[in-house]
PDB file of N, CA and C in Angstrom:
ATOM      1  N   UNK A   1       0.852  -1.186   0.000  1.00  0.00           N
ATOM      2  CA  UNK A   1       0.000   0.000   0.000  1.00  0.00           C
ATOM      3  C   UNK A   1       0.889   1.238   0.000  1.00  0.00           C
ATOM      4  N   UNK A   2       0.666   2.137  -0.885  1.00  0.00           N
ATOM      5  CA  UNK A   2       1.422   3.379  -0.964  1.00  0.00           C
ATOM      6  C   UNK A   2       0.725   4.418  -0.092  1.00  0.00           C
ATOM      7  N   UNK A   3       1.521   5.102   0.736  1.00  0.00           N
ATOM      8  CA  UNK A   3       0.949   6.097   1.636  1.00  0.00           C
ATOM      9  C   UNK A   3       0.523   7.320   0.827  1.00  0.00           C
ATOM     10  N   UNK A   4      -0.748   7.643   0.901  1.00  0.00           N
ATOM     11  CA  UNK A   4      -1.205   8.825   0.184  1.00  0.00           C
ATOM     12  C   UNK A   4      -1.045  10.056   1.066  1.00  0.00           C
ATOM     13  N   UNK A   5      -1.338  11.187   0.498  1.00  0.00           N
ATOM     14  CA  UNK A   5      -1.108  12.457   1.179  1.00  0.00           C
ATOM     15  C   UNK A   5      -1.963  12.611   2.428  1.00  0.00           C
ATOM     16  N   UNK A   6      -3.200  12.192   2.375  1.00  0.00           N
ATOM     17  CA  UNK A   6      -4.104  12.326   3.523  1.00  0.00           C
ATOM     18  C   UNK A   6      -3.618  11.475   4.681  1.00  0.00           C
ATOM     19  N   UNK A   7      -3.218  10.251   4.392  1.00  0.00           N
ATOM     20  CA  UNK A   7      -2.711   9.365   5.440  1.00  0.00           C
ATOM     21  C   UNK A   7      -1.432   9.908   6.046  1.00  0.00           C
ATOM     22  N   UNK A   8      -0.572  10.468   5.214  1.00  0.00           N
ATOM     23  CA  UNK A   8       0.675  11.051   5.706  1.00  0.00           C
ATOM     24  C   UNK A   8       0.403  12.199   6.672  1.00  0.00           C
ATOM     25  N   UNK A   9      -0.463  13.126   6.277  1.00  0.00           N
ATOM     26  CA  UNK A   9      -0.753  14.284   7.126  1.00  0.00           C
ATOM     27  C   UNK A   9      -1.519  13.893   8.386  1.00  0.00           C
ATOM     28  N   UNK A  10      -2.364  12.891   8.297  1.00  0.00           N
ATOM     29  CA  UNK A  10      -3.068  12.419   9.482  1.00  0.00           C
ATOM     30  C   UNK A  10      -2.104  11.783  10.478  1.00  0.00           C
ATOM     31  N   UNK A  11      -1.154  11.015   9.975  1.00  0.00           N
ATOM     32  CA  UNK A  11      -0.152  10.403  10.850  1.00  0.00           C
ATOM     33  C   UNK A  11       0.749  11.481  11.461  1.00  0.00           C
ATOM     34  N   UNK A  12       1.119  12.466  10.687  1.00  0.00           N
ATOM     35  CA  UNK A  12       1.931  13.572  11.185  1.00  0.00           C
ATOM     36  C   UNK A  12       1.190  14.346  12.261  1.00  0.00           C
ATOM     37  N   UNK A  13      -0.105  14.613  12.025  1.00  0.00           N
ATOM     38  CA  UNK A  13      -0.915  15.317  13.021  1.00  0.00           C
ATOM     39  C   UNK A  13      -1.000  14.534  14.324  1.00  0.00           C
ATOM     40  N   UNK A  14      -1.225  13.226  14.215  1.00  0.00           N
ATOM     41  CA  UNK A  14      -1.317  12.390  15.412  1.00  0.00           C
ATOM     42  C   UNK A  14       0.023  12.358  16.156  1.00  0.00           C
ATOM     43  N   UNK A  15       1.127  12.312  15.430  1.00  0.00           N
ATOM     44  CA  UNK A  15       2.440  12.317  16.067  1.00  0.00           C
ATOM     45  C   UNK A  15       2.727  13.626  16.777  1.00  0.00           C
ATOM     46  N   UNK A  16       2.370  14.734  16.152  1.00  0.00           N
ATOM     47  CA  UNK A  16       2.569  16.035  16.796  1.00  0.00           C
ATOM     48  C   UNK A  16       1.672  16.198  18.013  1.00  0.00           C
ATOM     49  N   UNK A  17       0.450  15.702  17.925  1.00  0.00           N
ATOM     50  CA  UNK A  17      -0.451  15.787  19.078  1.00  0.00           C
ATOM     51  C   UNK A  17       0.092  14.949  20.239  1.00  0.00           C
ATOM     52  N   UNK A  18       0.639  13.776  19.944  1.00  0.00           N
ATOM     53  CA  UNK A  18       1.254  12.967  20.995  1.00  0.00           C
ATOM     54  C   UNK A  18       2.449  13.682  21.615  1.00  0.00           C
ATOM     55  N   UNK A  19       3.223  14.387  20.811  1.00  0.00           N
ATOM     56  CA  UNK A  19       4.353  15.150  21.345  1.00  0.00           C
ATOM     57  C   UNK A  19       3.875  16.243  22.297  1.00  0.00           C
ATOM     58  N   UNK A  20       2.785  16.893  21.951  1.00  0.00           N
ATOM     59  CA  UNK A  20       2.225  17.932  22.827  1.00  0.00           C
ATOM     60  C   UNK A  20       1.750  17.311  24.137  1.00  0.00           C
ATOM     61  N   UNK A  21       1.026  16.211  24.058  1.00  0.00           N
ATOM     62  CA  UNK A  21       0.496  15.558  25.255  1.00  0.00           C
ATOM     63  C   UNK A  21       1.634  15.080  26.161  1.00  0.00           C
ATOM     64  N   UNK A  22       2.677  14.533  25.569  1.00  0.00           N
ATOM     65  CA  UNK A  22       3.797  14.009  26.355  1.00  0.00           C
ATOM     66  C   UNK A  22       4.581  15.134  27.023  1.00  0.00           C
ATOM     67  N   UNK A  23       4.747  16.253  26.350  1.00  0.00           N
ATOM     68  CA  UNK A  23       5.562  17.331  26.911  1.00  0.00           C
ATOM     69  C   UNK A  23       4.787  18.244  27.855  1.00  0.00           C
ATOM     70  N   UNK A  24       3.476  18.138  27.883  1.00  0.00           N
ATOM     71  CA  UNK A  24       2.658  19.039  28.685  1.00  0.00           C
ATOM     72  C   UNK A  24       2.982  19.033  30.185  1.00  0.00           C
ATOM     73  N   UNK A  25       3.144  17.881  30.851  1.00  0.00           N
ATOM     74  CA  UNK A  25       3.442  17.934  32.288  1.00  0.00           C
ATOM     75  C   UNK A  25       4.748  18.664  32.608  1.00  0.00           C
ATOM     76  N   UNK A  26       5.790  18.393  31.858  1.00  0.00           N
ATOM     77  CA  UNK A  26       7.095  19.008  32.133  1.00  0.00           C
ATOM     78  C   UNK A  26       7.049  20.507  31.848  1.00  0.00           C
ATOM     79  N   UNK A  27       6.427  20.894  30.747  1.00  0.00           N
ATOM     80  CA  UNK A  27       6.363  22.316  30.407  1.00  0.00           C
ATOM     81  C   UNK A  27       5.487  23.098  31.379  1.00  0.00           C
ATOM     82  N   UNK A  28       4.423  22.477  31.860  1.00  0.00           N
ATOM     83  CA  UNK A  28       3.556  23.137  32.833  1.00  0.00           C
ATOM     84  C   UNK A  28       4.295  23.387  34.133  1.00  0.00           C
ATOM     85  N   UNK A  29       5.043  22.390  34.598  1.00  0.00           N
ATOM     86  CA  UNK A  29       5.806  22.559  35.831  1.00  0.00           C
ATOM     87  C   UNK A  29       6.907  23.609  35.652  1.00  0.00           C
ATOM     88  N   UNK A  30       7.538  23.646  34.480  1.00  0.00           N
ATOM     89  CA  UNK A  30       8.562  24.659  34.212  1.00  0.00           C
ATOM     90  C   UNK A  30       7.950  26.058  34.271  1.00  0.00           C
ATOM     91  N   UNK A  31       6.755  26.216  33.710  1.00  0.00           N
ATOM     92  CA  UNK A  31       6.076  27.505  33.741  1.00  0.00           C
ATOM     93  C   UNK A  31       5.729  27.921  35.169  1.00  0.00           C
ATOM     94  N   UNK A  32       5.146  27.006  35.933  1.00  0.00           N
ATOM     95  CA  UNK A  32       4.749  27.316  37.312  1.00  0.00           C
ATOM     96  C   UNK A  32       5.974  27.608  38.168  1.00  0.00           C
ATOM     97  N   UNK A  33       7.024  26.808  38.016  1.00  0.00           N
ATOM     98  CA  UNK A  33       8.245  27.037  38.798  1.00  0.00           C
ATOM     99  C   UNK A  33       8.887  28.362  38.413  1.00  0.00           C
ATOM    100  N   UNK A  34       8.904  28.699  37.141  1.00  0.00           N
ATOM    101  CA  UNK A  34       9.476  29.964  36.702  1.00  0.00           C
ATOM    102  C   UNK A  34       8.720  31.161  37.247  1.00  0.00           C
ATOM    103  N   UNK A  35       7.401  31.083  37.218  1.00  0.00           N
ATOM    104  CA  UNK A  35       6.593  32.184  37.758  1.00  0.00           C
ATOM    105  C   UNK A  35       6.779  32.299  39.260  1.00  0.00           C
ATOM    106  N   UNK A  36       6.815  31.169  39.959  1.00  0.00           N
ATOM    107  CA  UNK A  36       6.988  31.182  41.409  1.00  0.00           C
ATOM    108  C   UNK A  36       8.341  31.772  41.798  1.00  0.00           C
ATOM    109  N   UNK A  37       9.394  31.329  41.150  1.00  0.00           N
ATOM    110  CA  UNK A  37      10.730  31.843  41.467  1.00  0.00           C
ATOM    111  C   UNK A  37      10.830  33.309  41.082  1.00  0.00           C
ATOM    112  N   UNK A  38      10.241  33.697  39.961  1.00  0.00           N
ATOM    113  CA  UNK A  38      10.244  35.101  39.559  1.00  0.00           C
ATOM    114  C   UNK A  38       9.524  35.984  40.559  1.00  0.00           C
ATOM    115  N   UNK A  39       8.401  35.507  41.061  1.00  0.00           N
ATOM    116  CA  UNK A  39       7.679  36.248  42.095  1.00  0.00           C
ATOM    117  C   UNK A  39       8.504  36.359  43.366  1.00  0.00           C
ATOM    118  N   UNK A  40       9.141  35.263  43.758  1.00  0.00           N
ATOM    119  CA  UNK A  40       9.989  35.272  44.946  1.00  0.00           C
ATOM    120  C   UNK A  40      11.133  36.268  44.786  1.00  0.00           C
ATOM    121  N   UNK A  41      11.743  36.291  43.606  1.00  0.00           N
ATOM    122  CA  UNK A  41      12.834  37.228  43.355  1.00  0.00           C
ATOM    123  C   UNK A  41      12.339  38.669  43.366  1.00  0.00           C
ATOM    124  N   UNK A  42      11.171  38.910  42.826  1.00  0.00           N
ATOM    125  CA  UNK A  42      10.633  40.268  42.820  1.00  0.00           C
ATOM    126  C   UNK A  42      10.285  40.742  44.222  1.00  0.00           C
ATOM    127  N   UNK A  43       9.787  39.827  45.043  1.00  0.00           N
ATOM    128  CA  UNK A  43       9.404  40.207  46.406  1.00  0.00           C
ATOM    129  C   UNK A  43      10.607  40.429  47.316  1.00  0.00           C
ATOM    130  N   UNK A  44      11.675  39.676  47.095  1.00  0.00           N
ATOM    131  CA  UNK A  44      12.840  39.767  47.977  1.00  0.00           C
ATOM    132  C   UNK A  44      13.981  40.569  47.376  1.00  0.00           C
ATOM    133  N   UNK A  45      13.865  41.007  46.144  1.00  0.00           N
ATOM    134  CA  UNK A  45      14.903  41.762  45.433  1.00  0.00           C
ATOM    135  C   UNK A  45      16.213  40.987  45.317  1.00  0.00           C
ATOM    136  N   UNK A  46      16.129  39.669  45.285  1.00  0.00           N
ATOM    137  CA  UNK A  46      17.306  38.831  45.078  1.00  0.00           C
ATOM    138  C   UNK A  46      17.421  38.575  43.580  1.00  0.00           C
ATOM    139  N   UNK A  47      18.536  38.929  42.995  1.00  0.00           N
ATOM    140  CA  UNK A  47      18.734  38.752  41.560  1.00  0.00           C
ATOM    141  C   UNK A  47      19.882  37.782  41.311  1.00  0.00           C
ATOM    142  N   UNK A  48      19.707  36.560  41.704  1.00  0.00           N
ATOM    143  CA  UNK A  48      20.721  35.511  41.524  1.00  0.00           C
ATOM    144  C   UNK A  48      20.290  34.603  40.375  1.00  0.00           C
ATOM    145  N   UNK A  49      21.172  34.405  39.405  1.00  0.00           N
ATOM    146  CA  UNK A  49      20.828  33.605  38.229  1.00  0.00           C
ATOM    147  C   UNK A  49      20.607  32.130  38.571  1.00  0.00           C
ATOM    148  N   UNK A  50      21.383  31.588  39.493  1.00  0.00           N
ATOM    149  CA  UNK A  50      21.211  30.176  39.836  1.00  0.00           C
ATOM    150  C   UNK A  50      19.895  29.934  40.564  1.00  0.00           C
ATOM    151  N   UNK A  51      19.356  30.964  41.188  1.00  0.00           N
ATOM    152  CA  UNK A  51      18.076  30.816  41.882  1.00  0.00           C
ATOM    153  C   UNK A  51      16.942  30.562  40.894  1.00  0.00           C
ATOM    154  N   UNK A  52      17.055  31.042  39.679  1.00  0.00           N
ATOM    155  CA  UNK A  52      16.012  30.775  38.686  1.00  0.00           C
ATOM    156  C   UNK A  52      16.230  29.427  38.005  1.00  0.00           C
ATOM    157  N   UNK A  53      17.478  29.045  37.847  1.00  0.00           N
ATOM    158  CA  UNK A  53      17.799  27.850  37.071  1.00  0.00           C
ATOM    159  C   UNK A  53      17.628  26.560  37.871  1.00  0.00           C
ATOM    160  N   UNK A  54      18.202  26.480  39.044  1.00  0.00           N
ATOM    161  CA  UNK A  54      18.251  25.230  39.807  1.00  0.00           C
ATOM    162  C   UNK A  54      16.864  24.734  40.224  1.00  0.00           C
ATOM    163  N   UNK A  55      15.998  25.558  40.823  1.00  0.00           N
ATOM    164  CA  UNK A  55      14.670  25.032  41.193  1.00  0.00           C
ATOM    165  C   UNK A  55      13.842  24.585  39.989  1.00  0.00           C
ATOM    166  N   UNK A  56      13.951  25.327  38.893  1.00  0.00           N
ATOM    167  CA  UNK A  56      13.181  24.971  37.700  1.00  0.00           C
ATOM    168  C   UNK A  56      13.639  23.628  37.140  1.00  0.00           C
ATOM    169  N   UNK A  57      14.943  23.432  37.056  1.00  0.00           N
ATOM    170  CA  UNK A  57      15.462  22.159  36.541  1.00  0.00           C
ATOM    171  C   UNK A  57      15.124  21.018  37.486  1.00  0.00           C
ATOM    172  N   UNK A  58      15.217  21.252  38.793  1.00  0.00           N
ATOM    173  CA  UNK A  58      14.886  20.204  39.758  1.00  0.00           C
ATOM    174  C   UNK A  58      13.412  19.810  39.661  1.00  0.00           C
ATOM    175  N   UNK A  59      12.533  20.795  39.534  1.00  0.00           N
ATOM    176  CA  UNK A  59      11.099  20.503  39.404  1.00  0.00           C
ATOM    177  C   UNK A  59      10.815  19.762  38.108  1.00  0.00           C
ATOM    178  N   UNK A  60      11.461  20.170  37.024  1.00  0.00           N
ATOM    179  CA  UNK A  60      11.255  19.503  35.744  1.00  0.00           C
ATOM    180  C   UNK A  60      11.757  18.065  35.786  1.00  0.00           C
ATOM    181  N   UNK A  61      12.904  17.833  36.401  1.00  0.00           N
ATOM    182  CA  UNK A  61      13.421  16.467  36.512  1.00  0.00           C
ATOM    183  C   UNK A  61      12.507  15.592  37.360  1.00  0.00           C
ATOM    184  N   UNK A  62      11.979  16.158  38.452  1.00  0.00           N
ATOM    185  CA  UNK A  62      11.077  15.387  39.310  1.00  0.00           C
ATOM    186  C   UNK A  62       9.806  14.997  38.564  1.00  0.00           C
ATOM    187  N   UNK A  63       9.225  15.939  37.836  1.00  0.00           N
ATOM    188  CA  UNK A  63       7.999  15.640  37.086  1.00  0.00           C
ATOM    189  C   UNK A  63       8.294  14.688  35.939  1.00  0.00           C
ATOM    190  N   UNK A  64       9.442  14.862  35.290  1.00  0.00           N
ATOM    191  CA  UNK A  64       9.814  13.938  34.222  1.00  0.00           C
ATOM    192  C   UNK A  64       9.937  12.524  34.762  1.00  0.00           C
ATOM    193  N   UNK A  65      10.573  12.380  35.919  1.00  0.00           N
ATOM    194  CA  UNK A  65      10.743  11.065  36.527  1.00  0.00           C
ATOM    195  C   UNK A  65       9.391  10.460  36.913  1.00  0.00           C
ATOM    196  N   UNK A  66       8.491  11.291  37.439  1.00  0.00           N
ATOM    197  CA  UNK A  66       7.178  10.797  37.849  1.00  0.00           C
ATOM    198  C   UNK A  66       6.276  10.462  36.656  1.00  0.00           C
ATOM    199  N   UNK A  67       6.457  11.152  35.528  1.00  0.00           N
ATOM    200  CA  UNK A  67       5.565  10.929  34.401  1.00  0.00           C
ATOM    201  C   UNK A  67       6.187  10.069  33.302  1.00  0.00           C
ATOM    202  N   UNK A  68       7.321   9.447  33.566  1.00  0.00           N
ATOM    203  CA  UNK A  68       7.947   8.603  32.547  1.00  0.00           C
ATOM    204  C   UNK A  68       7.058   7.434  32.141  1.00  0.00           C
ATOM    205  N   UNK A  69       6.326   6.852  33.073  1.00  0.00           N
ATOM    206  CA  UNK A  69       5.424   5.750  32.751  1.00  0.00           C
ATOM    207  C   UNK A  69       4.331   6.182  31.792  1.00  0.00           C
ATOM    208  N   UNK A  70       3.738   7.333  32.068  1.00  0.00           N
ATOM    209  CA  UNK A  70       2.707   7.882  31.191  1.00  0.00           C
ATOM    210  C   UNK A  70       3.271   8.168  29.802  1.00  0.00           C
ATOM    211  N   UNK A  71       4.453   8.761  29.753  1.00  0.00           N
ATOM    212  CA  UNK A  71       5.075   9.087  28.468  1.00  0.00           C
ATOM    213  C   UNK A  71       5.374   7.824  27.669  1.00  0.00           C
ATOM    214  N   UNK A  72       5.895   6.815  28.350  1.00  0.00           N
ATOM    215  CA  UNK A  72       6.225   5.563  27.679  1.00  0.00           C
ATOM    216  C   UNK A  72       4.979   4.876  27.142  1.00  0.00           C
ATOM    217  N   UNK A  73       3.937   4.817  27.960  1.00  0.00           N
ATOM    218  CA  UNK A  73       2.692   4.181  27.521  1.00  0.00           C
ATOM    219  C   UNK A  73       2.073   4.916  26.332  1.00  0.00           C
ATOM    220  N   UNK A  74       2.139   6.245  26.344  1.00  0.00           N
ATOM    221  CA  UNK A  74       1.589   7.020  25.234  1.00  0.00           C
ATOM    222  C   UNK A  74       2.358   6.748  23.943  1.00  0.00           C
ATOM    223  N   UNK A  75       3.682   6.722  24.036  1.00  0.00           N
ATOM    224  CA  UNK A  75       4.493   6.455  22.845  1.00  0.00           C
ATOM    225  C   UNK A  75       4.299   5.035  22.334  1.00  0.00           C
ATOM    226  N   UNK A  76       4.236   4.065  23.231  1.00  0.00           N
ATOM    227  CA  UNK A  76       4.033   2.679  22.819  1.00  0.00           C
ATOM    228  C   UNK A  76       2.675   2.516  22.161  1.00  0.00           C
ATOM    229  N   UNK A  77       1.661   3.144  22.732  1.00  0.00           N
ATOM    230  CA  UNK A  77       0.317   3.069  22.164  1.00  0.00           C
ATOM    231  C   UNK A  77       0.283   3.683  20.762  1.00  0.00           C
ATOM    232  N   UNK A  78       0.917   4.829  20.594  1.00  0.00           N
ATOM    233  CA  UNK A  78       0.959   5.460  19.272  1.00  0.00           C
ATOM    234  C   UNK A  78       1.723   4.594  18.280  1.00  0.00           C
ATOM    235  N   UNK A  79       2.836   4.052  18.709  1.00  0.00           N
ATOM    236  CA  UNK A  79       3.656   3.235  17.814  1.00  0.00           C
ATOM    237  C   UNK A  79       2.917   1.968  17.393  1.00  0.00           C
ATOM    238  N   UNK A  80       2.329   1.267  18.384  1.00  0.00           N
ATOM    239  CA  UNK A  80       1.649   0.014  18.078  1.00  0.00           C
ATOM    240  C   UNK A  80       0.321   0.221  17.363  1.00  0.00           C
ATOM    241  N   UNK A  81      -0.356   1.315  17.659  1.00  0.00           N
ATOM    242  CA  UNK A  81      -1.671   1.541  17.054  1.00  0.00           C
ATOM    243  C   UNK A  81      -1.629   2.250  15.719  1.00  0.00           C
ATOM    244  N   UNK A  82      -0.562   2.999  15.449  1.00  0.00           N
ATOM    245  CA  UNK A  82      -0.523   3.809  14.236  1.00  0.00           C
ATOM    246  C   UNK A  82       0.644   3.444  13.328  1.00  0.00           C
ATOM    247  N   UNK A  83       1.837   3.436  13.870  1.00  0.00           N
ATOM    248  CA  UNK A  83       3.037   3.276  13.045  1.00  0.00           C
ATOM    249  C   UNK A  83       3.205   1.829  12.558  1.00  0.00           C
ATOM    250  N   UNK A  84       3.074   0.875  13.469  1.00  0.00           N
ATOM    251  CA  UNK A  84       3.267  -0.539  13.077  1.00  0.00           C
ATOM    252  C   UNK A  84       2.260  -0.969  12.017  1.00  0.00           C
ATOM    253  N   UNK A  85       0.964  -0.652  12.134  1.00  0.00           N
ATOM    254  CA  UNK A  85       0.045  -1.014  11.044  1.00  0.00           C
ATOM    255  C   UNK A  85       0.401  -0.359   9.699  1.00  0.00           C
ATOM    256  N   UNK A  86       0.935   0.850   9.742  1.00  0.00           N
ATOM    257  CA  UNK A  86       1.349   1.490   8.480  1.00  0.00           C
ATOM    258  C   UNK A  86       2.544   0.777   7.873  1.00  0.00           C
ATOM    259  N   UNK A  87       3.478   0.356   8.715  1.00  0.00           N
ATOM    260  CA  UNK A  87       4.643  -0.377   8.217  1.00  0.00           C
ATOM    261  C   UNK A  87       4.236  -1.754   7.684  1.00  0.00           C
ATOM    262  N   UNK A  88       3.314  -2.393   8.419  1.00  0.00           N
ATOM    263  CA  UNK A  88       2.869  -3.728   8.010  1.00  0.00           C
ATOM    264  C   UNK A  88       1.980  -3.684   6.770  1.00  0.00           C
ATOM    265  N   UNK A  89       1.408  -2.524   6.495  1.00  0.00           N
ATOM    266  CA  UNK A  89       0.584  -2.388   5.301  1.00  0.00           C
ATOM    267  C   UNK A  89      -0.853  -2.807   5.484  1.00  0.00           C
ATOM    268  N   UNK A  90      -1.325  -2.821   6.725  1.00  0.00           N
ATOM    269  CA  UNK A  90      -2.725  -3.235   6.951  1.00  0.00           C
ATOM    270  C   UNK A  90      -3.604  -2.047   7.246  1.00  0.00           C
TER     271      UNK A  90
END
């Protein structure tokens, strides 16, 4: 079976949507941590660069570690439900 244009764009759309869903927890925590640290810096007048970087990275790593199962299951589901049937030609 030759992949037509509609099937190609539908698969691309589904892949991009999965990328958005997978990255959402980490990006949300980065946003919340950045706003929180920025507010803390504005309230205390502390302008230290490591104060913005370290808490944000630590929060992102913690959420990434906690959501790895969800990310893996989402990718496996997309691969087995969409990509493998396209490769197999069914």
